[in-house]
Amino acid sequence: MAATAREDGASGQERGQRGCEHYDRGCLLKAPCCDKLYTCRLCHDNNEDHQLDRFKVKEVQCINCEKIQHAQQTCEECSTLFGEYYCDICHLFDKDKKQYHCENCGILY
């Protein structure tokens, strides 16, 4: 499968390829700081001269249909599951269902 034609951080990622070395997810994060698409904030931070504030992420792109949409657990276009676990506060999508966001301290466990 050919790589998608995007001028962004995910330019080498194959369409439909889930995640990166850090996270297993079905979407790319649209970085509000530079409007580039990355699989995760760590991949973004390793390739840019600035850091991605994941709390400010508002949009994602589905890896299957490539629709850009508001951050949520499932694609509104093709129903791809972005992550078995999704935190609407810090926009973490992952396969680990045991994680949770502590409202008191603001940290994801």
PDB file of N, CA and C in Angstrom:
ATOM      1  N   MET A   1       0.838  -1.172   0.000  1.00  0.00           N
ATOM      2  CA  MET A   1       0.000   0.000   0.000  1.00  0.00           C
ATOM      3  C   MET A   1       0.888   1.242   0.000  1.00  0.00           C
ATOM      4  N   ALA A   2       0.588   2.197  -0.831  1.00  0.00           N
ATOM      5  CA  ALA A   2       1.420   3.399  -0.946  1.00  0.00           C
ATOM      6  C   ALA A   2       1.207   4.333   0.231  1.00  0.00           C
ATOM      7  N   ALA A   3       2.247   5.059   0.552  1.00  0.00           N
ATOM      8  CA  ALA A   3       2.144   6.040   1.630  1.00  0.00           C
ATOM      9  C   ALA A   3       1.230   7.165   1.183  1.00  0.00           C
ATOM     10  N   THR A   4       0.512   7.734   2.113  1.00  0.00           N
ATOM     11  CA  THR A   4      -0.375   8.840   1.790  1.00  0.00           C
ATOM     12  C   THR A   4       0.445  10.075   1.465  1.00  0.00           C
ATOM     13  N   ALA A   5      -0.047  10.902   0.593  1.00  0.00           N
ATOM     14  CA  ALA A   5       0.655  12.126   0.197  1.00  0.00           C
ATOM     15  C   ALA A   5       0.257  13.258   1.134  1.00  0.00           C
ATOM     16  N   ARG A   6       1.075  13.484   2.144  1.00  0.00           N
ATOM     17  CA  ARG A   6       0.803  14.554   3.104  1.00  0.00           C
ATOM     18  C   ARG A   6       2.119  15.249   3.394  1.00  0.00           C
ATOM     19  N   GLU A   7       2.085  16.539   3.469  1.00  0.00           N
ATOM     20  CA  GLU A   7       3.278  17.287   3.853  1.00  0.00           C
ATOM     21  C   GLU A   7       3.216  17.523   5.352  1.00  0.00           C
ATOM     22  N   ASP A   8       3.477  16.485   6.095  1.00  0.00           N
ATOM     23  CA  ASP A   8       3.394  16.571   7.547  1.00  0.00           C
ATOM     24  C   ASP A   8       4.245  15.481   8.179  1.00  0.00           C
ATOM     25  N   GLY A   9       4.165  15.368   9.466  1.00  0.00           N
ATOM     26  CA  GLY A   9       4.981  14.415  10.194  1.00  0.00           C
ATOM     27  C   GLY A   9       4.664  12.965   9.914  1.00  0.00           C
ATOM     28  N   ALA A  10       3.500  12.676   9.368  1.00  0.00           N
ATOM     29  CA  ALA A  10       3.105  11.294   9.118  1.00  0.00           C
ATOM     30  C   ALA A  10       3.283  10.923   7.650  1.00  0.00           C
ATOM     31  N   SER A  11       4.085  11.690   6.916  1.00  0.00           N
ATOM     32  CA  SER A  11       4.207  11.489   5.476  1.00  0.00           C
ATOM     33  C   SER A  11       4.708  10.101   5.088  1.00  0.00           C
ATOM     34  N   GLY A  12       5.457   9.451   5.965  1.00  0.00           N
ATOM     35  CA  GLY A  12       5.958   8.126   5.642  1.00  0.00           C
ATOM     36  C   GLY A  12       5.073   7.003   6.122  1.00  0.00           C
ATOM     37  N   GLN A  13       3.980   7.341   6.766  1.00  0.00           N
ATOM     38  CA  GLN A  13       3.099   6.320   7.322  1.00  0.00           C
ATOM     39  C   GLN A  13       2.150   5.805   6.255  1.00  0.00           C
ATOM     40  N   GLU A  14       2.023   4.509   6.174  1.00  0.00           N
ATOM     41  CA  GLU A  14       1.117   3.883   5.226  1.00  0.00           C
ATOM     42  C   GLU A  14      -0.326   4.129   5.652  1.00  0.00           C
ATOM     43  N   ARG A  15      -1.197   4.299   4.668  1.00  0.00           N
ATOM     44  CA  ARG A  15      -2.614   4.431   4.975  1.00  0.00           C
ATOM     45  C   ARG A  15      -3.078   3.145   5.644  1.00  0.00           C
ATOM     46  N   GLY A  16      -3.792   3.264   6.746  1.00  0.00           N
ATOM     47  CA  GLY A  16      -4.293   2.108   7.473  1.00  0.00           C
ATOM     48  C   GLY A  16      -3.323   1.534   8.487  1.00  0.00           C
ATOM     49  N   GLN A  17      -2.086   2.024   8.517  1.00  0.00           N
ATOM     50  CA  GLN A  17      -1.097   1.538   9.493  1.00  0.00           C
ATOM     51  C   GLN A  17      -1.464   2.050  10.876  1.00  0.00           C
ATOM     52  N   ARG A  18      -1.617   1.140  11.831  1.00  0.00           N
ATOM     53  CA  ARG A  18      -2.022   1.514  13.185  1.00  0.00           C
ATOM     54  C   ARG A  18      -0.831   1.929  14.021  1.00  0.00           C
ATOM     55  N   GLY A  19      -0.893   3.139  14.534  1.00  0.00           N
ATOM     56  CA  GLY A  19       0.025   3.574  15.561  1.00  0.00           C
ATOM     57  C   GLY A  19       1.474   3.757  15.171  1.00  0.00           C
ATOM     58  N   CYS A  20       2.287   3.785  16.219  1.00  0.00           N
ATOM     59  CA  CYS A  20       3.724   4.027  16.093  1.00  0.00           C
ATOM     60  C   CYS A  20       4.428   3.181  17.151  1.00  0.00           C
ATOM     61  N   GLU A  21       5.697   3.451  17.384  1.00  0.00           N
ATOM     62  CA  GLU A  21       6.427   2.690  18.398  1.00  0.00           C
ATOM     63  C   GLU A  21       5.934   2.989  19.810  1.00  0.00           C
ATOM     64  N   HIS A  22       5.228   4.100  19.991  1.00  0.00           N
ATOM     65  CA  HIS A  22       4.781   4.510  21.322  1.00  0.00           C
ATOM     66  C   HIS A  22       3.349   4.075  21.649  1.00  0.00           C
ATOM     67  N   TYR A  23       2.452   4.146  20.661  1.00  0.00           N
ATOM     68  CA  TYR A  23       1.031   3.872  20.901  1.00  0.00           C
ATOM     69  C   TYR A  23       0.412   3.085  19.758  1.00  0.00           C
ATOM     70  N   ASP A  24      -0.580   2.256  20.091  1.00  0.00           N
ATOM     71  CA  ASP A  24      -1.384   1.542  19.109  1.00  0.00           C
ATOM     72  C   ASP A  24      -2.688   2.313  18.986  1.00  0.00           C
ATOM     73  N   ARG A  25      -2.863   3.025  17.873  1.00  0.00           N
ATOM     74  CA  ARG A  25      -4.080   3.820  17.702  1.00  0.00           C
ATOM     75  C   ARG A  25      -4.476   3.891  16.238  1.00  0.00           C
ATOM     76  N   GLY A  26      -5.729   4.207  16.016  1.00  0.00           N
ATOM     77  CA  GLY A  26      -6.275   4.244  14.664  1.00  0.00           C
ATOM     78  C   GLY A  26      -6.458   5.634  14.101  1.00  0.00           C
ATOM     79  N   CYS A  27      -5.743   6.600  14.647  1.00  0.00           N
ATOM     80  CA  CYS A  27      -5.856   7.966  14.146  1.00  0.00           C
ATOM     81  C   CYS A  27      -4.529   8.697  14.286  1.00  0.00           C
ATOM     82  N   LEU A  28      -4.444   9.812  13.600  1.00  0.00           N
ATOM     83  CA  LEU A  28      -3.314  10.726  13.719  1.00  0.00           C
ATOM     84  C   LEU A  28      -3.814  11.971  14.438  1.00  0.00           C
ATOM     85  N   LEU A  29      -2.982  12.555  15.269  1.00  0.00           N
ATOM     86  CA  LEU A  29      -3.332  13.791  15.957  1.00  0.00           C
ATOM     87  C   LEU A  29      -3.001  14.964  15.051  1.00  0.00           C
ATOM     88  N   LYS A  30      -3.918  15.927  14.940  1.00  0.00           N
ATOM     89  CA  LYS A  30      -3.621  17.157  14.203  1.00  0.00           C
ATOM     90  C   LYS A  30      -3.076  18.152  15.215  1.00  0.00           C
ATOM     91  N   ALA A  31      -1.787  18.444  15.114  1.00  0.00           N
ATOM     92  CA  ALA A  31      -1.124  19.331  16.072  1.00  0.00           C
ATOM     93  C   ALA A  31      -1.597  20.765  15.859  1.00  0.00           C
ATOM     94  N   PRO A  32      -2.235  21.369  16.866  1.00  0.00           N
ATOM     95  CA  PRO A  32      -2.725  22.739  16.703  1.00  0.00           C
ATOM     96  C   PRO A  32      -1.603  23.767  16.588  1.00  0.00           C
ATOM     97  N   CYS A  33      -0.416  23.415  17.018  1.00  0.00           N
ATOM     98  CA  CYS A  33       0.731  24.329  16.987  1.00  0.00           C
ATOM     99  C   CYS A  33       1.297  24.506  15.581  1.00  0.00           C
ATOM    100  N   CYS A  34       1.189  23.478  14.737  1.00  0.00           N
ATOM    101  CA  CYS A  34       1.795  23.546  13.405  1.00  0.00           C
ATOM    102  C   CYS A  34       0.896  22.958  12.315  1.00  0.00           C
ATOM    103  N   ASP A  35      -0.296  22.466  12.689  1.00  0.00           N
ATOM    104  CA  ASP A  35      -1.257  21.863  11.765  1.00  0.00           C
ATOM    105  C   ASP A  35      -0.723  20.629  11.038  1.00  0.00           C
ATOM    106  N   LYS A  36       0.287  19.981  11.603  1.00  0.00           N
ATOM    107  CA  LYS A  36       0.815  18.750  11.029  1.00  0.00           C
ATOM    108  C   LYS A  36       0.177  17.552  11.724  1.00  0.00           C
ATOM    109  N   LEU A  37       0.149  16.425  11.016  1.00  0.00           N
ATOM    110  CA  LEU A  37      -0.430  15.195  11.548  1.00  0.00           C
ATOM    111  C   LEU A  37       0.672  14.274  12.046  1.00  0.00           C
ATOM    112  N   TYR A  38       0.505  13.803  13.276  1.00  0.00           N
ATOM    113  CA  TYR A  38       1.453  12.868  13.875  1.00  0.00           C
ATOM    114  C   TYR A  38       0.682  11.783  14.605  1.00  0.00           C
ATOM    115  N   THR A  39       1.284  10.603  14.700  1.00  0.00           N
ATOM    116  CA  THR A  39       0.664   9.498  15.418  1.00  0.00           C
ATOM    117  C   THR A  39       0.543   9.801  16.901  1.00  0.00           C
ATOM    118  N   CYS A  40       1.549  10.475  17.471  1.00  0.00           N
ATOM    119  CA  CYS A  40       1.482  10.815  18.895  1.00  0.00           C
ATOM    120  C   CYS A  40       2.329  12.048  19.185  1.00  0.00           C
ATOM    121  N   ARG A  41       2.205  12.575  20.386  1.00  0.00           N
ATOM    122  CA  ARG A  41       2.959  13.776  20.767  1.00  0.00           C
ATOM    123  C   ARG A  41       4.458  13.497  20.828  1.00  0.00           C
ATOM    124  N   LEU A  42       4.840  12.272  21.157  1.00  0.00           N
ATOM    125  CA  LEU A  42       6.260  11.928  21.219  1.00  0.00           C
ATOM    126  C   LEU A  42       6.885  11.932  19.822  1.00  0.00           C
ATOM    127  N   CYS A  43       6.171  11.386  18.845  1.00  0.00           N
ATOM    128  CA  CYS A  43       6.656  11.423  17.462  1.00  0.00           C
ATOM    129  C   CYS A  43       6.751  12.871  16.987  1.00  0.00           C
ATOM    130  N   HIS A  44       5.761  13.682  17.325  1.00  0.00           N
ATOM    131  CA  HIS A  44       5.787  15.107  16.987  1.00  0.00           C
ATOM    132  C   HIS A  44       7.009  15.779  17.595  1.00  0.00           C
ATOM    133  N   ASP A  45       7.182  15.609  18.894  1.00  0.00           N
ATOM    134  CA  ASP A  45       8.267  16.290  19.608  1.00  0.00           C
ATOM    135  C   ASP A  45       9.649  15.860  19.124  1.00  0.00           C
ATOM    136  N   ASN A  46       9.772  14.615  18.658  1.00  0.00           N
ATOM    137  CA  ASN A  46      11.051  14.116  18.144  1.00  0.00           C
ATOM    138  C   ASN A  46      11.399  14.679  16.767  1.00  0.00           C
ATOM    139  N   ASN A  47      10.395  15.246  16.077  1.00  0.00           N
ATOM    140  CA  ASN A  47      10.608  15.726  14.712  1.00  0.00           C
ATOM    141  C   ASN A  47      10.449  17.227  14.530  1.00  0.00           C
ATOM    142  N   GLU A  48      10.018  17.918  15.549  1.00  0.00           N
ATOM    143  CA  GLU A  48       9.784  19.361  15.446  1.00  0.00           C
ATOM    144  C   GLU A  48      10.671  20.111  16.426  1.00  0.00           C
ATOM    145  N   ASP A  49      10.733  21.423  16.277  1.00  0.00           N
ATOM    146  CA  ASP A  49      11.532  22.255  17.180  1.00  0.00           C
ATOM    147  C   ASP A  49      10.681  22.857  18.298  1.00  0.00           C
ATOM    148  N   HIS A  50       9.500  22.301  18.490  1.00  0.00           N
ATOM    149  CA  HIS A  50       8.582  22.734  19.544  1.00  0.00           C
ATOM    150  C   HIS A  50       7.836  21.505  20.058  1.00  0.00           C
ATOM    151  N   GLN A  51       7.109  21.657  21.154  1.00  0.00           N
ATOM    152  CA  GLN A  51       6.394  20.524  21.742  1.00  0.00           C
ATOM    153  C   GLN A  51       4.896  20.623  21.493  1.00  0.00           C
ATOM    154  N   LEU A  52       4.275  19.466  21.374  1.00  0.00           N
ATOM    155  CA  LEU A  52       2.830  19.373  21.197  1.00  0.00           C
ATOM    156  C   LEU A  52       2.165  19.291  22.561  1.00  0.00           C
ATOM    157  N   ASP A  53       1.243  20.196  22.820  1.00  0.00           N
ATOM    158  CA  ASP A  53       0.440  20.163  24.038  1.00  0.00           C
ATOM    159  C   ASP A  53      -0.791  19.314  23.741  1.00  0.00           C
ATOM    160  N   ARG A  54      -0.793  18.066  24.197  1.00  0.00           N
ATOM    161  CA  ARG A  54      -1.886  17.153  23.852  1.00  0.00           C
ATOM    162  C   ARG A  54      -3.230  17.606  24.402  1.00  0.00           C
ATOM    163  N   PHE A  55      -3.231  18.460  25.406  1.00  0.00           N
ATOM    164  CA  PHE A  55      -4.487  18.976  25.947  1.00  0.00           C
ATOM    165  C   PHE A  55      -5.165  19.929  24.961  1.00  0.00           C
ATOM    166  N   LYS A  56      -4.417  20.465  24.022  1.00  0.00           N
ATOM    167  CA  LYS A  56      -4.960  21.411  23.041  1.00  0.00           C
ATOM    168  C   LYS A  56      -5.376  20.748  21.736  1.00  0.00           C
ATOM    169  N   VAL A  57      -5.146  19.445  21.605  1.00  0.00           N
ATOM    170  CA  VAL A  57      -5.532  18.730  20.387  1.00  0.00           C
ATOM    171  C   VAL A  57      -7.056  18.705  20.298  1.00  0.00           C
ATOM    172  N   LYS A  58      -7.585  19.176  19.176  1.00  0.00           N
ATOM    173  CA  LYS A  58      -9.035  19.200  18.966  1.00  0.00           C
ATOM    174  C   LYS A  58      -9.472  18.323  17.801  1.00  0.00           C
ATOM    175  N   GLU A  59      -8.512  18.016  16.885  1.00  0.00           N
ATOM    176  CA  GLU A  59      -8.860  17.250  15.694  1.00  0.00           C
ATOM    177  C   GLU A  59      -7.915  16.067  15.496  1.00  0.00           C
ATOM    178  N   VAL A  60      -8.459  15.023  14.872  1.00  0.00           N
ATOM    179  CA  VAL A  60      -7.689  13.834  14.511  1.00  0.00           C
ATOM    180  C   VAL A  60      -8.036  13.458  13.074  1.00  0.00           C
ATOM    181  N   GLN A  61      -7.181  12.619  12.485  1.00  0.00           N
ATOM    182  CA  GLN A  61      -7.462  12.094  11.155  1.00  0.00           C
ATOM    183  C   GLN A  61      -7.505  10.573  11.234  1.00  0.00           C
ATOM    184  N   CYS A  62      -8.563   9.986  10.713  1.00  0.00           N
ATOM    185  CA  CYS A  62      -8.704   8.529  10.686  1.00  0.00           C
ATOM    186  C   CYS A  62      -7.632   7.930   9.779  1.00  0.00           C
ATOM    187  N   ILE A  63      -7.000   6.833  10.211  1.00  0.00           N
ATOM    188  CA  ILE A  63      -5.962   6.197   9.393  1.00  0.00           C
ATOM    189  C   ILE A  63      -6.557   5.418   8.219  1.00  0.00           C
ATOM    190  N   ASN A  64      -7.849   5.104   8.271  1.00  0.00           N
ATOM    191  CA  ASN A  64      -8.461   4.330   7.193  1.00  0.00           C
ATOM    192  C   ASN A  64      -9.104   5.206   6.124  1.00  0.00           C
ATOM    193  N   CYS A  65     -10.028   6.077   6.509  1.00  0.00           N
ATOM    194  CA  CYS A  65     -10.728   6.902   5.516  1.00  0.00           C
ATOM    195  C   CYS A  65     -10.112   8.292   5.373  1.00  0.00           C
ATOM    196  N   GLU A  66      -9.187   8.646   6.263  1.00  0.00           N
ATOM    197  CA  GLU A  66      -8.458   9.913   6.269  1.00  0.00           C
ATOM    198  C   GLU A  66      -9.326  11.144   6.544  1.00  0.00           C
ATOM    199  N   LYS A  67     -10.518  10.937   7.083  1.00  0.00           N
ATOM    200  CA  LYS A  67     -11.373  12.077   7.432  1.00  0.00           C
ATOM    201  C   LYS A  67     -10.814  12.782   8.664  1.00  0.00           C
ATOM    202  N   ILE A  68     -10.672  14.100   8.561  1.00  0.00           N
ATOM    203  CA  ILE A  68     -10.290  14.911   9.715  1.00  0.00           C
ATOM    204  C   ILE A  68     -11.572  15.276  10.447  1.00  0.00           C
ATOM    205  N   GLN A  69     -11.566  15.082  11.759  1.00  0.00           N
ATOM    206  CA  GLN A  69     -12.769  15.260  12.576  1.00  0.00           C
ATOM    207  C   GLN A  69     -12.371  15.625  13.993  1.00  0.00           C
ATOM    208  N   HIS A  70     -13.375  15.968  14.813  1.00  0.00           N
ATOM    209  CA  HIS A  70     -13.050  16.299  16.202  1.00  0.00           C
ATOM    210  C   HIS A  70     -12.564  15.038  16.921  1.00  0.00           C
ATOM    211  N   ALA A  71     -11.717  15.240  17.914  1.00  0.00           N
ATOM    212  CA  ALA A  71     -11.143  14.119  18.666  1.00  0.00           C
ATOM    213  C   ALA A  71     -12.253  13.350  19.371  1.00  0.00           C
ATOM    214  N   GLN A  72     -12.282  12.049  19.151  1.00  0.00           N
ATOM    215  CA  GLN A  72     -13.285  11.158  19.729  1.00  0.00           C
ATOM    216  C   GLN A  72     -12.756   9.739  19.632  1.00  0.00           C
ATOM    217  N   GLN A  73     -13.480   8.790  20.163  1.00  0.00           N
ATOM    218  CA  GLN A  73     -12.985   7.413  20.222  1.00  0.00           C
ATOM    219  C   GLN A  73     -13.151   6.639  18.923  1.00  0.00           C
ATOM    220  N   THR A  74     -14.167   6.963  18.135  1.00  0.00           N
ATOM    221  CA  THR A  74     -14.486   6.222  16.921  1.00  0.00           C
ATOM    222  C   THR A  74     -14.673   7.176  15.747  1.00  0.00           C
ATOM    223  N   CYS A  75     -14.239   6.770  14.570  1.00  0.00           N
ATOM    224  CA  CYS A  75     -14.389   7.600  13.375  1.00  0.00           C
ATOM    225  C   CYS A  75     -15.860   7.782  13.036  1.00  0.00           C
ATOM    226  N   GLU A  76     -16.252   9.022  12.807  1.00  0.00           N
ATOM    227  CA  GLU A  76     -17.644   9.315  12.472  1.00  0.00           C
ATOM    228  C   GLU A  76     -17.984   8.937  11.034  1.00  0.00           C
ATOM    229  N   GLU A  77     -16.975   8.693  10.209  1.00  0.00           N
ATOM    230  CA  GLU A  77     -17.187   8.349   8.803  1.00  0.00           C
ATOM    231  C   GLU A  77     -17.219   6.838   8.567  1.00  0.00           C
ATOM    232  N   CYS A  78     -16.216   6.111   9.083  1.00  0.00           N
ATOM    233  CA  CYS A  78     -16.098   4.674   8.772  1.00  0.00           C
ATOM    234  C   CYS A  78     -16.130   3.774  10.010  1.00  0.00           C
ATOM    235  N   SER A  79     -16.330   4.343  11.184  1.00  0.00           N
ATOM    236  CA  SER A  79     -16.452   3.617  12.454  1.00  0.00           C
ATOM    237  C   SER A  79     -15.170   2.929  12.921  1.00  0.00           C
ATOM    238  N   THR A  80     -14.018   3.333  12.394  1.00  0.00           N
ATOM    239  CA  THR A  80     -12.744   2.795  12.881  1.00  0.00           C
ATOM    240  C   THR A  80     -12.573   3.166  14.345  1.00  0.00           C
ATOM    241  N   LEU A  81     -12.190   2.196  15.156  1.00  0.00           N
ATOM    242  CA  LEU A  81     -11.922   2.450  16.568  1.00  0.00           C
ATOM    243  C   LEU A  81     -10.530   3.055  16.682  1.00  0.00           C
ATOM    244  N   PHE A  82     -10.456   4.276  17.194  1.00  0.00           N
ATOM    245  CA  PHE A  82      -9.167   4.956  17.321  1.00  0.00           C
ATOM    246  C   PHE A  82      -8.348   4.394  18.474  1.00  0.00           C
ATOM    247  N   GLY A  83      -9.012   3.951  19.527  1.00  0.00           N
ATOM    248  CA  GLY A  83      -8.327   3.349  20.662  1.00  0.00           C
ATOM    249  C   GLY A  83      -9.324   2.696  21.589  1.00  0.00           C
ATOM    250  N   GLU A  84      -8.963   1.544  22.148  1.00  0.00           N
ATOM    251  CA  GLU A  84      -9.849   0.888  23.111  1.00  0.00           C
ATOM    252  C   GLU A  84     -10.038   1.781  24.325  1.00  0.00           C
ATOM    253  N   TYR A  85      -8.994   2.569  24.627  1.00  0.00           N
ATOM    254  CA  TYR A  85      -9.091   3.566  25.688  1.00  0.00           C
ATOM    255  C   TYR A  85      -8.945   4.934  25.041  1.00  0.00           C
ATOM    256  N   TYR A  86      -9.797   5.887  25.432  1.00  0.00           N
ATOM    257  CA  TYR A  86      -9.683   7.262  24.958  1.00  0.00           C
ATOM    258  C   TYR A  86      -9.965   8.200  26.118  1.00  0.00           C
ATOM    259  N   CYS A  87      -9.063   9.141  26.342  1.00  0.00           N
ATOM    260  CA  CYS A  87      -9.263  10.168  27.363  1.00  0.00           C
ATOM    261  C   CYS A  87      -9.602  11.472  26.659  1.00  0.00           C
ATOM    262  N   ASP A  88     -10.788  11.998  26.908  1.00  0.00           N
ATOM    263  CA  ASP A  88     -11.253  13.232  26.283  1.00  0.00           C
ATOM    264  C   ASP A  88     -10.570  14.469  26.865  1.00  0.00           C
ATOM    265  N   ILE A  89      -9.872  14.314  27.979  1.00  0.00           N
ATOM    266  CA  ILE A  89      -9.186  15.447  28.612  1.00  0.00           C
ATOM    267  C   ILE A  89      -7.805  15.651  27.991  1.00  0.00           C
ATOM    268  N   CYS A  90      -7.012  14.586  27.935  1.00  0.00           N
ATOM    269  CA  CYS A  90      -5.643  14.733  27.418  1.00  0.00           C
ATOM    270  C   CYS A  90      -5.475  14.112  26.030  1.00  0.00           C
ATOM    271  N   HIS A  91      -6.561  13.634  25.433  1.00  0.00           N
ATOM    272  CA  HIS A  91      -6.566  13.102  24.073  1.00  0.00           C
ATOM    273  C   HIS A  91      -5.549  11.987  23.867  1.00  0.00           C
ATOM    274  N   LEU A  92      -5.582  11.035  24.775  1.00  0.00           N
ATOM    275  CA  LEU A  92      -4.754   9.844  24.644  1.00  0.00           C
ATOM    276  C   LEU A  92      -5.629   8.726  24.094  1.00  0.00           C
ATOM    277  N   PHE A  93      -5.178   8.117  23.021  1.00  0.00           N
ATOM    278  CA  PHE A  93      -5.838   6.959  22.415  1.00  0.00           C
ATOM    279  C   PHE A  93      -4.861   5.810  22.568  1.00  0.00           C
ATOM    280  N   ASP A  94      -5.304   4.683  23.123  1.00  0.00           N
ATOM    281  CA  ASP A  94      -4.381   3.563  23.274  1.00  0.00           C
ATOM    282  C   ASP A  94      -5.155   2.262  23.365  1.00  0.00           C
ATOM    283  N   LYS A  95      -4.422   1.171  23.378  1.00  0.00           N
ATOM    284  CA  LYS A  95      -5.009  -0.162  23.458  1.00  0.00           C
ATOM    285  C   LYS A  95      -5.238  -0.589  24.902  1.00  0.00           C
ATOM    286  N   ASP A  96      -4.571   0.050  25.842  1.00  0.00           N
ATOM    287  CA  ASP A  96      -4.638  -0.324  27.257  1.00  0.00           C
ATOM    288  C   ASP A  96      -5.905   0.230  27.908  1.00  0.00           C
ATOM    289  N   LYS A  97      -6.846  -0.646  28.256  1.00  0.00           N
ATOM    290  CA  LYS A  97      -8.103  -0.228  28.879  1.00  0.00           C
ATOM    291  C   LYS A  97      -7.953   0.068  30.366  1.00  0.00           C
ATOM    292  N   LYS A  98      -6.805  -0.234  30.950  1.00  0.00           N
ATOM    293  CA  LYS A  98      -6.630  -0.060  32.390  1.00  0.00           C
ATOM    294  C   LYS A  98      -6.272   1.375  32.770  1.00  0.00           C
ATOM    295  N   GLN A  99      -6.065   2.238  31.793  1.00  0.00           N
ATOM    296  CA  GLN A  99      -5.696   3.620  32.091  1.00  0.00           C
ATOM    297  C   GLN A  99      -6.919   4.413  32.529  1.00  0.00           C
ATOM    298  N   TYR A 100      -6.681   5.451  33.309  1.00  0.00           N
ATOM    299  CA  TYR A 100      -7.756   6.362  33.683  1.00  0.00           C
ATOM    300  C   TYR A 100      -7.162   7.723  34.004  1.00  0.00           C
ATOM    301  N   HIS A 101      -7.981   8.761  33.874  1.00  0.00           N
ATOM    302  CA  HIS A 101      -7.540  10.125  34.139  1.00  0.00           C
ATOM    303  C   HIS A 101      -8.019  10.530  35.526  1.00  0.00           C
ATOM    304  N   CYS A 102      -7.087  10.898  36.394  1.00  0.00           N
ATOM    305  CA  CYS A 102      -7.427  11.318  37.752  1.00  0.00           C
ATOM    306  C   CYS A 102      -7.870  12.778  37.729  1.00  0.00           C
ATOM    307  N   GLU A 103      -9.120  13.020  38.070  1.00  0.00           N
ATOM    308  CA  GLU A 103      -9.663  14.380  38.075  1.00  0.00           C
ATOM    309  C   GLU A 103      -8.994  15.257  39.127  1.00  0.00           C
ATOM    310  N   ASN A 104      -8.542  14.669  40.226  1.00  0.00           N
ATOM    311  CA  ASN A 104      -7.951  15.451  41.316  1.00  0.00           C
ATOM    312  C   ASN A 104      -6.575  16.006  40.978  1.00  0.00           C
ATOM    313  N   CYS A 105      -5.707  15.181  40.396  1.00  0.00           N
ATOM    314  CA  CYS A 105      -4.338  15.642  40.129  1.00  0.00           C
ATOM    315  C   CYS A 105      -4.090  15.939  38.659  1.00  0.00           C
ATOM    316  N   GLY A 106      -5.013  15.549  37.775  1.00  0.00           N
ATOM    317  CA  GLY A 106      -4.866  15.831  36.360  1.00  0.00           C
ATOM    318  C   GLY A 106      -3.903  14.920  35.624  1.00  0.00           C
ATOM    319  N   ILE A 107      -3.497  13.821  36.251  1.00  0.00           N
ATOM    320  CA  ILE A 107      -2.534  12.909  35.638  1.00  0.00           C
ATOM    321  C   ILE A 107      -3.248  11.660  35.126  1.00  0.00           C
ATOM    322  N   LEU A 108      -2.801  11.179  33.984  1.00  0.00           N
ATOM    323  CA  LEU A 108      -3.335   9.957  33.407  1.00  0.00           C
ATOM    324  C   LEU A 108      -2.541   8.777  33.942  1.00  0.00           C
ATOM    325  N   TYR A 109      -3.241   7.778  34.488  1.00  0.00           N
ATOM    326  CA  TYR A 109      -2.593   6.579  35.032  1.00  0.00           C
ATOM    327  C   TYR A 109      -2.920   5.382  34.187  1.00  0.00           C
TER     328      TYR A 109
END
